[in-house]
Amino acid sequence: MNNLPAQVQKNAVAAIRISSLKQGLQGDSPDDQKQQIERFAKSHDIHIKKFFIFMESASKEEQPVQEAIDYCKKKKNNIQVFIIKSIDRFTRGGSYLYDHLKMQLSNIDVNLVDIYGVISNRQVNTLEHLDIKFDWSVYSPTKKTEILEAERAKDEMRDIMTRMIGAEIRYVRMGYRVRQAPFGYMNEKIETEHGRRVILVPHPEESIFIKKIFQLRCRGSVSDPDIVDILNNMGFKSRKFHKRDPNDRTKIIGSRGENPLKVKQMWEYIKNPIYAGVSVEKWTQDSPVKTKFEGLISIKQFNKANRGKVILSEKAGKVSVFKKQPPDYLLNKQVRNPKFPYKRYVMCPHCQKPLYGSASRGKMGNYFPAYHCNRGHYFRVPKKEFNETIEAFVSDLKVTPEYVDELKQFVIESWNEKQETVVSDQSVVKTKIETLKSQAQMVADKIKYLSSDVAIGYMEKDLVKIDQEIEKLETNNNDEKAQKTINMEVIMEYIGYFLEHLDDLLIHSANPLKKAEYFSLIFNQLPTYEELSLGTPQLAPFIGLKQPLSTALVRIGEPGRIRTSDHQLKRLLLCH
């Protein structure tokens, strides 16, 4: 064997490498390489002390085979030979990395050999006939061949990666899937005009939670922390992933995931266009691509749930993504300032944009609160006068009896729909509990056949964890059922009262922010201050009705009557 002394048996390590788990199963498997190396070692009287198996690409700068070289560096291991099948199984990083790795072995007098005989450890001195030796006169006759083989392995790796990644990029741009499925989906291969390709289909369990997130977010009446609590009470758990040994991908060294939902994670789900059937990623050059599969939600639901932060637009089969910049007034601190609650709901008569609210300081140190606008023009109304205008306008409103009846009917229908949703959610929880009970039974059955105390201990921990999840879900489900049934007759009485006494709801409410929010609901379009002063805003029924109703809110008195004092009217006319 390649200049290795035969009279003394050598100790060796052998390195086996495959680029992927699929390659290990289908071709050039670890067993095949091991069998070839063992036959080679036996024929050359070499004792293999240890095999190193690397299921990792060796094209990176940090080479997996370094672990085996470090093992050889320890004198107590007494290694003289390092056996590989071929140079491309040693590294595909090119001649530089090959020379660097081999030099480490040469420095500790360990010979690198391959079963094909390409690598030779024989050294030739060109001045040997003169009994003189220099560093430059000693060389390896096979060095050029080894370098060429190392470069060939690198070129082969480049060609393989170019074909594989290039094809995957093209398929992604066509709308197919090439990566792991995101939460809520699972991969499925189907026959297409481009051959068997992968698309995403709804996951039978995870998709329910994603749809629920968007449903609650679209509703607008549930805060994000409350949405998270609802999903966790339904049994939400993130996907479980195995942690694998970086040098041997067949070995599982731990796991991660199975965590409850958090608000930040929910935001990541909401802004991901993949749930609307749109792919946006690096391989699409951050351009939206309509996928070959249906999303879990519609584009309309996606836009409504994102509330303007991310907008999808589809025209003539082409999808566009817009990241809308928030208006300037939303970037200021204390947008929802209880001292100026109407600034989001009353517009400037000049620019039709929301008013600002602040208190300026006078020469004597006194503060003068006012609503104002200074976007290239001047408009200012003292806060006291502004509130008086709001109160005067609200006091002139009333609700028609027909509208009260229609609103009550709408509330009852909405309540029935919500009850159906609650029943559906309870069904999801019940299914989750049954699944966990089946898992617990399977774990309990496995424990019967185990003899290792360590293995039994791990299984018992899993069983305890499953029991805790079942107990939590059953407790939350029972709490939901134990809640008192809402008396809809009482609710109807409250609705009727507040519609007949709008001033209690819109003026005398204790919460100024809620009061302003209720105030905004009586308009078809947010009014300007001028329209409130003149009594001419576009009135509309309360938001949320399924069918538009005839105008239910009517003015008391003559429709054309101006309801402002002389000084208010003069000031409004001067604004023009």
Protein backbone atom coordinates (compact mmCIF):
# COMPACT_ATOMS: atom_id res chain seq x y z
CA MET A 1 0.00 0.00 0.00
CA ASN A 2 1.33 3.46 -1.01
CA ASN A 3 4.72 3.36 0.71
CA LEU A 4 3.36 2.16 4.07
CA PRO A 5 5.61 -0.24 6.02
CA ALA A 6 4.00 -3.69 6.13
CA GLN A 7 5.95 -5.29 8.97
CA VAL A 8 4.10 -3.40 11.73
CA GLN A 9 0.31 -3.20 11.86
CA LYS A 10 -0.93 0.38 11.66
CA ASN A 11 -3.81 1.95 13.55
CA ALA A 12 -6.17 4.01 11.46
CA VAL A 13 -9.30 6.10 11.46
CA ALA A 14 -11.69 6.09 8.51
CA ALA A 15 -13.87 8.99 7.38
CA ILE A 16 -17.15 8.36 5.59
CA ARG A 17 -19.07 11.29 4.13
CA ILE A 18 -22.29 11.69 2.21
CA SER A 19 -23.78 15.00 1.14
CA SER A 20 -27.36 14.30 2.27
CA LEU A 21 -29.53 11.79 4.05
CA LYS A 22 -31.18 11.01 0.70
CA GLN A 23 -27.82 10.08 -0.80
CA GLY A 24 -27.16 7.85 2.17
CA LEU A 25 -30.38 5.96 1.56
CA GLN A 26 -30.27 5.74 -2.24
CA GLY A 27 -26.59 5.57 -3.24
CA ASP A 28 -23.01 5.70 -1.90
CA SER A 29 -24.39 4.94 1.55
CA PRO A 30 -22.24 4.81 4.70
CA ASP A 31 -22.52 1.01 4.69
CA ASP A 32 -21.19 0.81 1.13
CA GLN A 33 -18.23 3.09 1.90
CA LYS A 34 -17.52 1.26 5.17
CA GLN A 35 -17.50 -2.12 3.44
CA GLN A 36 -15.01 -0.89 0.80
CA ILE A 37 -12.73 0.71 3.40
CA GLU A 38 -12.76 -2.39 5.62
CA ARG A 39 -11.79 -4.60 2.67
CA PHE A 40 -8.95 -2.19 1.81
CA ALA A 41 -7.69 -2.10 5.42
CA LYS A 42 -7.75 -5.89 5.73
CA SER A 43 -5.71 -6.34 2.56
CA HIS A 44 -3.04 -3.93 3.89
CA ASP A 45 -3.02 -5.22 7.48
CA ILE A 46 -4.47 -1.99 8.95
CA HIS A 47 -6.51 -1.91 12.14
CA ILE A 48 -9.32 0.64 12.03
CA LYS A 49 -9.84 2.01 15.53
CA LYS A 50 -12.74 4.33 14.71
CA PHE A 51 -15.10 5.28 11.89
CA PHE A 52 -16.31 8.87 11.47
CA ILE A 53 -19.52 9.33 9.50
CA PHE A 54 -20.33 12.84 8.24
CA MET A 55 -23.73 13.53 6.68
CA GLU A 56 -22.84 17.09 5.81
CA SER A 57 -21.60 18.92 2.73
CA ALA A 58 -17.85 19.51 2.93
CA SER A 59 -17.89 22.50 0.59
CA LYS A 60 -17.92 24.99 3.47
CA GLU A 61 -14.86 26.57 5.00
CA GLU A 62 -15.54 24.81 8.31
CA GLN A 63 -14.88 21.21 7.30
CA PRO A 64 -16.72 18.37 9.11
CA VAL A 65 -13.72 16.08 8.66
CA GLN A 66 -11.77 18.33 11.03
CA GLU A 67 -13.26 16.36 13.93
CA ALA A 68 -11.53 13.19 12.72
CA ILE A 69 -8.22 15.05 12.21
CA ASP A 70 -8.43 16.41 15.78
CA TYR A 71 -8.90 12.82 16.98
CA CYS A 72 -5.66 11.85 15.21
CA LYS A 73 -3.78 14.72 16.87
CA LYS A 74 -4.24 13.17 20.31
CA LYS A 75 -1.19 10.98 20.99
CA LYS A 76 -3.12 8.62 23.27
CA ASN A 77 -5.17 7.46 20.25
CA ASN A 78 -1.97 6.27 18.48
CA ILE A 79 -3.15 6.81 14.87
CA GLN A 80 -0.81 6.40 11.88
CA VAL A 81 -3.23 6.20 8.93
CA PHE A 82 -6.28 8.21 7.81
CA ILE A 83 -8.38 6.25 5.28
CA ILE A 84 -10.94 7.74 2.88
CA LYS A 85 -12.75 6.30 -0.09
CA SER A 86 -11.73 9.12 -2.43
CA ILE A 87 -10.67 12.78 -2.33
CA ASP A 88 -14.22 14.03 -3.02
CA ARG A 89 -15.32 12.11 0.11
CA PHE A 90 -12.61 13.98 2.06
CA THR A 91 -13.42 17.53 0.92
CA ARG A 92 -15.07 19.38 -1.95
CA GLY A 93 -13.56 22.70 -0.97
CA GLY A 94 -10.90 22.69 -3.69
CA SER A 95 -7.13 22.38 -3.64
CA TYR A 96 -6.55 24.99 -0.93
CA LEU A 97 -8.72 23.24 1.70
CA TYR A 98 -7.46 19.82 0.64
CA ASP A 99 -3.83 20.90 1.05
CA HIS A 100 -4.64 22.56 4.40
CA LEU A 101 -6.30 19.41 5.79
CA LYS A 102 -3.65 17.03 4.48
CA MET A 103 -0.86 19.24 5.90
CA GLN A 104 -2.35 18.88 9.38
CA LEU A 105 -2.08 15.12 9.07
CA SER A 106 1.48 15.29 7.68
CA ASN A 107 2.59 17.43 10.62
CA ILE A 108 1.58 14.64 13.05
CA ASP A 109 2.99 11.85 10.84
CA VAL A 110 -0.40 10.46 9.86
CA ASN A 111 -0.63 9.21 6.29
CA LEU A 112 -3.74 10.11 4.27
CA VAL A 113 -4.65 7.27 1.87
CA ASP A 114 -7.57 6.52 -0.44
CA ILE A 115 -8.75 3.13 -1.64
CA TYR A 116 -8.22 4.07 -5.31
CA GLY A 117 -4.50 4.80 -4.89
CA VAL A 118 -4.62 8.42 -6.11
CA ILE A 119 -2.96 9.71 -2.93
CA SER A 120 0.63 8.69 -2.32
CA ASN A 121 2.80 9.48 0.69
CA ARG A 122 6.04 8.69 -1.17
CA GLN A 123 8.49 11.60 -1.20
CA VAL A 124 11.13 12.10 -3.96
CA ASN A 125 14.34 14.09 -3.48
CA THR A 126 15.69 15.39 -6.78
CA LEU A 127 19.19 15.73 -5.24
CA GLU A 128 19.26 12.31 -3.64
CA HIS A 129 22.10 11.17 -5.97
CA LEU A 130 24.29 13.86 -4.40
CA ASP A 131 23.22 13.05 -0.83
CA ILE A 132 21.88 16.62 -0.47
CA LYS A 133 18.32 17.62 0.49
CA PHE A 134 16.57 20.98 0.45
CA ASP A 135 12.95 21.81 1.17
CA TRP A 136 12.46 22.68 -2.50
CA SER A 137 14.12 19.47 -3.74
CA VAL A 138 11.62 17.19 -1.97
CA TYR A 139 8.20 16.72 -3.53
CA SER A 140 5.34 14.25 -3.90
CA PRO A 141 4.99 12.76 -7.38
CA THR A 142 1.22 12.53 -6.99
CA LYS A 143 0.74 16.09 -5.68
CA LYS A 144 -0.43 17.44 -9.05
CA THR A 145 -2.86 14.56 -9.48
CA GLU A 146 -4.24 15.08 -5.98
CA ILE A 147 -4.66 18.83 -6.58
CA LEU A 148 -6.42 18.23 -9.88
CA GLU A 149 -8.74 15.68 -8.23
CA ALA A 150 -9.54 18.14 -5.40
CA GLU A 151 -10.38 20.86 -7.93
CA ARG A 152 -12.45 18.39 -9.96
CA ALA A 153 -14.45 17.55 -6.81
CA LYS A 154 -15.05 21.25 -6.21
CA ASP A 155 -16.15 21.79 -9.83
CA GLU A 156 -18.48 18.81 -9.57
CA MET A 157 -20.03 20.22 -6.41
CA ARG A 158 -20.51 23.58 -8.15
CA ASP A 159 -22.18 21.95 -11.16
CA ILE A 160 -24.50 19.87 -8.97
CA MET A 161 -25.51 22.87 -6.84
CA THR A 162 -26.03 25.07 -9.90
CA ARG A 163 -28.38 22.55 -11.51
CA MET A 164 -30.27 21.80 -8.32
CA ILE A 165 -30.61 25.34 -6.90
CA GLY A 166 -31.21 26.83 -10.34
CA ALA A 167 -34.11 24.46 -10.94
CA GLU A 168 -35.56 25.17 -7.51
CA ILE A 169 -35.42 28.94 -8.11
CA ARG A 170 -37.29 28.53 -11.41
CA TYR A 171 -39.98 26.40 -9.76
CA VAL A 172 -40.42 28.92 -6.92
CA ARG A 173 -40.92 31.69 -9.49
CA MET A 174 -43.55 29.51 -11.17
CA GLY A 175 -45.46 29.34 -7.89
CA TYR A 176 -44.40 25.93 -6.56
CA ARG A 177 -42.83 25.14 -3.18
CA VAL A 178 -39.32 23.79 -2.56
CA ARG A 179 -38.80 24.43 1.14
CA GLN A 180 -40.29 23.17 4.38
CA ALA A 181 -43.95 24.05 4.74
CA PRO A 182 -44.74 27.01 7.05
CA PHE A 183 -47.00 26.55 10.06
CA GLY A 184 -50.54 25.86 8.89
CA TYR A 185 -49.48 24.08 5.70
CA MET A 186 -47.92 20.80 4.67
CA ASN A 187 -46.11 19.86 1.47
CA GLU A 188 -47.77 17.63 -1.10
CA LYS A 189 -46.47 16.37 -4.46
CA ILE A 190 -48.85 16.53 -7.39
CA GLU A 191 -48.65 15.87 -11.12
CA THR A 192 -48.35 19.10 -13.12
CA GLU A 193 -47.38 20.19 -16.62
CA HIS A 194 -43.86 20.63 -15.21
CA GLY A 195 -43.70 17.10 -13.78
CA ARG A 196 -44.21 16.09 -10.16
CA ARG A 197 -43.98 19.31 -8.19
CA VAL A 198 -44.61 20.33 -4.58
CA ILE A 199 -47.44 22.61 -3.48
CA LEU A 200 -48.77 23.60 -0.06
CA VAL A 201 -52.06 22.20 1.26
CA PRO A 202 -53.82 23.03 4.55
CA HIS A 203 -52.54 21.13 7.57
CA PRO A 204 -55.53 19.37 9.17
CA GLU A 205 -54.75 20.76 12.65
CA GLU A 206 -52.47 23.79 12.25
CA SER A 207 -54.55 25.50 9.54
CA ILE A 208 -57.46 25.87 12.00
CA PHE A 209 -55.35 28.11 14.23
CA ILE A 210 -54.09 30.28 11.35
CA LYS A 211 -57.63 30.84 10.06
CA LYS A 212 -58.77 31.68 13.58
CA ILE A 213 -56.02 34.30 13.97
CA PHE A 214 -57.08 36.09 10.78
CA GLN A 215 -60.77 35.75 11.65
CA LEU A 216 -60.33 37.40 15.06
CA ARG A 217 -57.97 40.02 13.67
CA CYS A 218 -60.48 40.96 10.96
CA ARG A 219 -63.20 41.32 13.55
CA GLY A 220 -61.34 44.31 15.00
CA SER A 221 -63.00 44.10 18.42
CA VAL A 222 -60.46 41.71 19.99
CA SER A 223 -57.02 42.91 21.09
CA ASP A 224 -53.89 41.04 20.02
CA PRO A 225 -53.10 39.74 23.55
CA ASP A 226 -56.68 38.47 23.80
CA ILE A 227 -56.36 36.72 20.43
CA VAL A 228 -53.21 35.00 21.70
CA ASP A 229 -55.01 33.87 24.87
CA ILE A 230 -57.93 32.49 22.84
CA LEU A 231 -55.60 30.48 20.58
CA ASN A 232 -53.59 29.12 23.51
CA ASN A 233 -56.78 28.08 25.29
CA MET A 234 -57.72 26.17 22.13
CA GLY A 235 -54.48 24.19 22.45
CA PHE A 236 -52.13 26.05 20.10
CA LYS A 237 -48.59 24.64 20.06
CA SER A 238 -45.83 25.58 17.66
CA ARG A 239 -44.41 22.88 15.44
CA LYS A 240 -41.88 20.45 16.94
CA PHE A 241 -38.43 20.24 15.36
CA HIS A 242 -35.61 17.80 16.01
CA LYS A 243 -32.10 19.02 16.70
CA ARG A 244 -29.54 16.93 14.86
CA ASP A 245 -25.84 16.41 15.27
CA PRO A 246 -24.13 18.84 12.81
CA ASN A 247 -21.62 16.12 11.86
CA ASP A 248 -24.09 13.23 11.69
CA ARG A 249 -27.53 14.24 10.56
CA THR A 250 -28.95 10.82 11.46
CA LYS A 251 -28.44 11.49 15.19
CA ILE A 252 -31.14 13.40 17.07
CA ILE A 253 -29.63 15.30 20.00
CA GLY A 254 -32.69 17.23 21.17
CA SER A 255 -35.84 19.02 20.12
CA ARG A 256 -37.37 22.49 20.08
CA GLY A 257 -40.80 23.98 19.52
CA GLU A 258 -44.19 22.99 20.96
CA ASN A 259 -44.47 26.46 22.52
CA PRO A 260 -47.65 28.49 23.10
CA LEU A 261 -48.42 31.40 20.79
CA LYS A 262 -46.92 34.81 21.53
CA VAL A 263 -47.97 38.21 20.20
CA LYS A 264 -44.81 38.75 18.14
CA GLN A 265 -45.13 35.33 16.53
CA MET A 266 -48.77 36.07 15.72
CA TRP A 267 -47.68 39.28 13.95
CA GLU A 268 -45.26 37.23 11.84
CA TYR A 269 -48.13 34.98 10.77
CA ILE A 270 -50.41 37.93 9.96
CA LYS A 271 -47.96 39.75 7.68
CA ASN A 272 -46.85 36.61 5.78
CA PRO A 273 -48.49 36.72 2.29
CA ILE A 274 -48.08 32.95 1.88
CA TYR A 275 -51.32 32.51 3.85
CA ALA A 276 -53.13 34.39 1.07
CA GLY A 277 -51.49 32.22 -1.60
CA VAL A 278 -48.76 34.75 -2.48
CA SER A 279 -45.03 33.96 -2.30
CA VAL A 280 -42.54 36.77 -1.56
CA GLU A 281 -38.95 35.76 -0.86
CA LYS A 282 -35.31 36.12 -1.94
CA TRP A 283 -35.67 33.62 -4.79
CA THR A 284 -38.51 35.69 -6.26
CA GLN A 285 -36.30 38.79 -5.85
CA ASP A 286 -38.78 40.03 -3.23
CA SER A 287 -41.45 40.26 -5.92
CA PRO A 288 -44.88 38.72 -5.22
CA VAL A 289 -45.73 35.55 -7.12
CA LYS A 290 -49.20 34.01 -7.22
CA THR A 291 -48.73 30.42 -6.08
CA LYS A 292 -50.09 27.27 -7.71
CA PHE A 293 -52.13 26.56 -4.58
CA GLU A 294 -54.95 28.32 -2.78
CA GLY A 295 -54.21 30.27 0.37
CA LEU A 296 -55.78 29.60 3.74
CA ILE A 297 -57.47 33.02 3.54
CA SER A 298 -58.49 35.43 0.80
CA ILE A 299 -56.51 38.53 -0.18
CA LYS A 300 -59.37 40.64 1.16
CA GLN A 301 -59.09 38.97 4.58
CA PHE A 302 -55.31 39.39 4.52
CA ASN A 303 -55.57 43.13 3.89
CA LYS A 304 -58.23 43.59 6.54
CA ALA A 305 -56.21 41.69 9.15
CA ASN A 306 -53.05 43.70 8.40
CA ARG A 307 -54.94 46.99 8.72
CA GLY A 308 -52.95 48.85 6.12
CA LYS A 309 -49.44 47.80 7.17
CA VAL A 310 -49.15 45.28 4.32
CA ILE A 311 -51.52 45.45 1.34
CA LEU A 312 -51.96 42.86 -1.41
CA SER A 313 -53.50 43.91 -4.71
CA GLU A 314 -54.46 41.51 -7.50
CA LYS A 315 -55.25 42.81 -10.98
CA ALA A 316 -55.45 40.71 -14.14
CA GLY A 317 -53.83 37.76 -12.36
CA LYS A 318 -50.83 39.84 -11.24
CA VAL A 319 -50.25 40.43 -7.53
CA SER A 320 -48.60 43.51 -6.01
CA VAL A 321 -47.49 44.13 -2.43
CA PHE A 322 -47.53 47.56 -0.83
CA LYS A 323 -46.13 48.49 2.57
CA LYS A 324 -48.12 51.54 3.42
CA GLN A 325 -46.37 54.26 5.40
CA PRO A 326 -48.49 55.36 8.39
CA PRO A 327 -49.82 58.92 8.16
CA ASP A 328 -47.73 61.59 9.83
CA TYR A 329 -50.26 62.10 12.61
CA LEU A 330 -49.95 58.44 13.63
CA LEU A 331 -46.18 58.74 14.04
CA ASN A 332 -46.54 61.32 16.81
CA LYS A 333 -46.59 60.27 20.43
CA GLN A 334 -49.91 59.91 22.26
CA VAL A 335 -52.07 59.57 19.17
CA ARG A 336 -54.83 58.34 21.45
CA ASN A 337 -54.63 61.23 23.89
CA PRO A 338 -57.63 61.34 26.26
CA LYS A 339 -57.18 65.14 26.57
CA PHE A 340 -57.89 65.50 22.84
CA PRO A 341 -60.01 62.44 21.99
CA TYR A 342 -61.65 63.84 18.81
CA LYS A 343 -58.47 64.64 16.88
CA ARG A 344 -58.64 61.29 15.05
CA TYR A 345 -62.31 61.66 14.14
CA VAL A 346 -62.76 65.30 13.10
CA MET A 347 -61.02 66.60 9.98
CA CYS A 348 -59.51 69.97 9.14
CA PRO A 349 -61.84 72.00 6.83
CA HIS A 350 -58.85 72.99 4.64
CA CYS A 351 -56.86 69.78 3.98
CA GLN A 352 -59.43 67.14 5.05
CA LYS A 353 -56.83 65.55 7.34
CA PRO A 354 -57.17 64.75 11.08
CA LEU A 355 -56.72 67.66 13.46
CA TYR A 356 -53.88 67.97 15.94
CA GLY A 357 -54.48 68.59 19.63
CA SER A 358 -52.15 70.46 21.96
CA ALA A 359 -51.97 73.22 24.56
CA SER A 360 -49.88 76.32 23.80
CA ARG A 361 -48.32 78.33 26.58
CA GLY A 362 -49.16 82.02 26.91
CA LYS A 363 -46.99 84.92 28.09
CA MET A 364 -48.33 84.61 31.64
CA GLY A 365 -47.50 80.90 31.79
CA ASN A 366 -51.06 79.73 31.28
CA TYR A 367 -51.88 76.90 28.85
CA PHE A 368 -54.57 77.19 26.17
CA PRO A 369 -55.67 73.77 24.85
CA ALA A 370 -57.00 73.69 21.30
CA TYR A 371 -57.56 71.56 18.22
CA HIS A 372 -55.55 72.89 15.30
CA CYS A 373 -53.96 72.22 11.91
CA ASN A 374 -50.83 73.82 10.46
CA ARG A 375 -50.18 71.85 7.26
CA GLY A 376 -49.34 74.90 5.17
CA HIS A 377 -52.34 76.81 6.54
CA TYR A 378 -53.67 77.99 9.89
CA PHE A 379 -56.71 76.60 11.65
CA ARG A 380 -57.29 76.63 15.40
CA VAL A 381 -60.32 76.11 17.63
CA PRO A 382 -60.14 76.36 21.44
CA LYS A 383 -60.90 73.04 23.10
CA LYS A 384 -63.85 74.42 25.06
CA GLU A 385 -65.51 75.83 21.93
CA PHE A 386 -64.75 72.58 20.07
CA ASN A 387 -66.46 70.45 22.74
CA GLU A 388 -69.47 72.79 22.80
CA THR A 389 -69.86 72.34 19.05
CA ILE A 390 -69.76 68.54 19.47
CA GLU A 391 -72.36 68.63 22.25
CA ALA A 392 -74.64 70.95 20.31
CA PHE A 393 -74.48 68.67 17.29
CA VAL A 394 -75.14 65.49 19.28
CA SER A 395 -78.05 67.02 21.17
CA ASP A 396 -79.82 67.61 17.85
CA LEU A 397 -79.75 63.94 16.87
CA LYS A 398 -82.33 61.26 17.32
CA VAL A 399 -82.85 57.72 16.05
CA THR A 400 -85.87 56.52 14.14
CA PRO A 401 -87.83 53.61 15.67
CA GLU A 402 -87.34 51.61 12.46
CA TYR A 403 -83.57 51.77 12.85
CA VAL A 404 -83.77 50.61 16.48
CA ASP A 405 -85.66 47.49 15.42
CA GLU A 406 -83.24 46.76 12.58
CA LEU A 407 -80.20 47.21 14.82
CA LYS A 408 -81.65 44.87 17.44
CA GLN A 409 -82.25 42.26 14.73
CA PHE A 410 -78.67 42.66 13.53
CA VAL A 411 -77.33 42.22 17.08
CA ILE A 412 -79.31 38.99 17.49
CA GLU A 413 -77.99 37.62 14.17
CA SER A 414 -74.42 38.56 15.12
CA TRP A 415 -74.85 36.86 18.47
CA ASN A 416 -76.08 33.66 16.82
CA GLU A 417 -73.08 33.67 14.46
CA LYS A 418 -70.74 34.11 17.42
CA GLN A 419 -72.39 31.19 19.22
CA GLU A 420 -71.76 29.01 16.16
CA THR A 421 -68.09 30.04 16.26
CA VAL A 422 -67.88 29.14 19.95
CA VAL A 423 -69.30 25.69 19.24
CA SER A 424 -66.78 25.23 16.44
CA ASP A 425 -63.89 26.27 18.72
CA GLN A 426 -65.03 23.83 21.39
CA SER A 427 -65.04 21.08 18.76
CA VAL A 428 -61.41 21.91 17.92
CA VAL A 429 -60.47 21.72 21.59
CA LYS A 430 -62.30 18.40 21.96
CA THR A 431 -60.42 16.97 18.96
CA LYS A 432 -57.13 18.19 20.42
CA ILE A 433 -57.90 16.52 23.75
CA GLU A 434 -58.73 13.22 22.04
CA THR A 435 -55.46 13.37 20.08
CA LEU A 436 -53.45 13.98 23.24
CA LYS A 437 -55.19 11.10 25.01
CA SER A 438 -54.26 8.80 22.11
CA GLN A 439 -50.64 9.98 22.37
CA ALA A 440 -50.67 9.33 26.12
CA GLN A 441 -51.98 5.80 25.56
CA MET A 442 -49.26 5.12 22.98
CA VAL A 443 -46.55 6.33 25.39
CA ALA A 444 -47.98 4.20 28.19
CA ASP A 445 -47.99 1.13 25.92
CA LYS A 446 -44.35 1.70 24.94
CA ILE A 447 -43.25 1.92 28.59
CA LYS A 448 -44.42 -1.69 29.13
CA TYR A 449 -41.79 -3.00 26.71
CA LEU A 450 -38.85 -0.88 27.90
CA SER A 451 -36.17 -2.24 30.23
CA SER A 452 -33.82 0.76 30.39
CA ASP A 453 -34.46 3.00 33.40
CA VAL A 454 -33.20 6.03 31.45
CA ALA A 455 -35.57 5.39 28.54
CA ILE A 456 -38.48 4.83 30.93
CA GLY A 457 -37.66 8.10 32.69
CA TYR A 458 -37.81 10.04 29.42
CA MET A 459 -41.08 8.40 28.44
CA GLU A 460 -42.60 9.17 31.83
CA LYS A 461 -41.65 12.85 31.44
CA ASP A 462 -43.41 12.90 28.07
CA LEU A 463 -46.46 11.28 29.64
CA VAL A 464 -46.60 13.87 32.44
CA LYS A 465 -46.30 16.69 29.89
CA ILE A 466 -49.17 15.29 27.81
CA ASP A 467 -51.35 14.88 30.92
CA GLN A 468 -50.70 18.50 31.88
CA GLU A 469 -51.76 19.70 28.43
CA ILE A 470 -54.94 17.62 28.60
CA GLU A 471 -55.77 19.00 32.04
CA LYS A 472 -55.23 22.58 30.88
CA LEU A 473 -57.43 22.16 27.80
CA GLU A 474 -60.21 20.47 29.78
CA THR A 475 -60.09 23.22 32.42
CA ASN A 476 -60.35 25.99 29.82
CA ASN A 477 -63.14 24.16 28.02
CA ASN A 478 -65.11 23.69 31.25
CA ASP A 479 -64.62 27.36 32.13
CA GLU A 480 -66.11 28.36 28.79
CA LYS A 481 -69.14 26.15 29.39
CA ALA A 482 -69.53 27.39 32.98
CA GLN A 483 -69.79 31.02 31.94
CA LYS A 484 -73.21 32.50 32.59
CA THR A 485 -75.49 32.73 29.62
CA ILE A 486 -75.94 36.32 28.52
CA ASN A 487 -79.48 37.58 28.84
CA MET A 488 -80.18 38.96 25.36
CA GLU A 489 -83.36 40.67 26.55
CA VAL A 490 -81.30 42.82 28.90
CA ILE A 491 -78.85 43.59 26.09
CA MET A 492 -81.74 44.66 23.86
CA GLU A 493 -83.01 46.99 26.57
CA TYR A 494 -79.57 48.63 26.85
CA ILE A 495 -79.37 49.08 23.08
CA GLY A 496 -82.78 50.69 22.97
CA TYR A 497 -81.95 52.99 25.87
CA PHE A 498 -78.68 54.28 24.43
CA LEU A 499 -80.17 54.82 20.98
CA GLU A 500 -82.95 56.88 22.53
CA HIS A 501 -80.44 58.77 24.74
CA LEU A 502 -77.46 59.37 22.47
CA ASP A 503 -76.14 62.13 24.71
CA ASP A 504 -75.49 59.57 27.49
CA LEU A 505 -73.36 57.53 25.11
CA LEU A 506 -71.68 60.29 23.10
CA ILE A 507 -71.31 63.10 25.65
CA HIS A 508 -71.57 61.86 29.24
CA SER A 509 -69.51 58.67 28.85
CA ALA A 510 -66.72 58.40 31.45
CA ASN A 511 -64.09 57.24 28.93
CA PRO A 512 -63.22 60.13 26.55
CA LEU A 513 -61.51 57.86 24.01
CA LYS A 514 -64.51 55.50 23.82
CA LYS A 515 -66.83 58.51 23.66
CA ALA A 516 -64.97 59.85 20.62
CA GLU A 517 -64.92 56.40 19.02
CA TYR A 518 -68.70 56.05 19.42
CA PHE A 519 -69.07 59.55 18.00
CA SER A 520 -67.24 58.53 14.81
CA LEU A 521 -69.69 55.67 14.18
CA ILE A 522 -72.63 57.93 13.42
CA PHE A 523 -71.03 59.21 10.20
CA ASN A 524 -70.81 57.73 6.75
CA GLN A 525 -67.63 59.78 6.32
CA LEU A 526 -65.60 61.47 9.05
CA PRO A 527 -66.75 65.11 9.18
CA THR A 528 -64.74 68.31 9.10
CA TYR A 529 -65.17 70.85 11.89
CA GLU A 530 -66.93 73.14 9.43
CA GLU A 531 -69.53 70.47 8.65
CA LEU A 532 -70.19 69.92 12.36
CA SER A 533 -70.63 73.65 12.92
CA LEU A 534 -72.98 73.97 9.95
CA GLY A 535 -74.78 70.72 10.73
CA THR A 536 -74.10 69.22 7.27
CA PRO A 537 -71.97 66.07 7.76
CA GLN A 538 -72.81 62.83 5.95
CA LEU A 539 -74.77 60.86 8.52
CA ALA A 540 -75.03 57.08 8.35
CA PRO A 541 -76.23 54.12 10.45
CA PHE A 542 -73.87 52.61 12.97
CA ILE A 543 -71.02 50.65 11.42
CA GLY A 544 -71.26 46.89 11.05
CA LEU A 545 -74.70 46.35 9.51
CA LYS A 546 -74.93 43.73 6.85
CA GLN A 547 -77.20 45.72 4.57
CA PRO A 548 -77.14 49.51 4.25
CA LEU A 549 -80.19 51.08 5.84
CA SER A 550 -82.01 54.27 5.07
CA THR A 551 -80.66 57.22 7.03
CA ALA A 552 -81.76 56.55 10.58
CA LEU A 553 -80.15 59.54 12.22
CA VAL A 554 -82.13 62.71 11.43
CA ARG A 555 -81.78 66.34 12.38
CA ILE A 556 -84.35 67.95 14.63
CA GLY A 557 -85.77 71.11 13.13
CA GLU A 558 -85.44 72.55 9.64
CA PRO A 559 -82.84 70.77 7.50
CA GLY A 560 -81.43 73.99 6.08
CA ARG A 561 -81.16 75.87 9.38
CA ILE A 562 -77.65 77.06 10.29
CA ARG A 563 -76.88 76.05 13.87
CA THR A 564 -73.89 78.27 14.59
CA SER A 565 -73.50 81.59 16.30
CA ASP A 566 -72.60 84.68 14.29
CA HIS A 567 -68.95 84.75 15.38
CA GLN A 568 -68.52 81.06 14.45
CA LEU A 569 -70.03 81.61 11.01
CA LYS A 570 -67.83 84.66 10.35
CA ARG A 571 -64.71 82.72 11.33
CA LEU A 572 -65.64 79.80 9.07
CA LEU A 573 -66.25 82.15 6.13
CA LEU A 574 -62.86 83.81 6.69
CA CYS A 575 -61.20 80.40 6.42
CA HIS A 576 -62.00 80.39 2.70
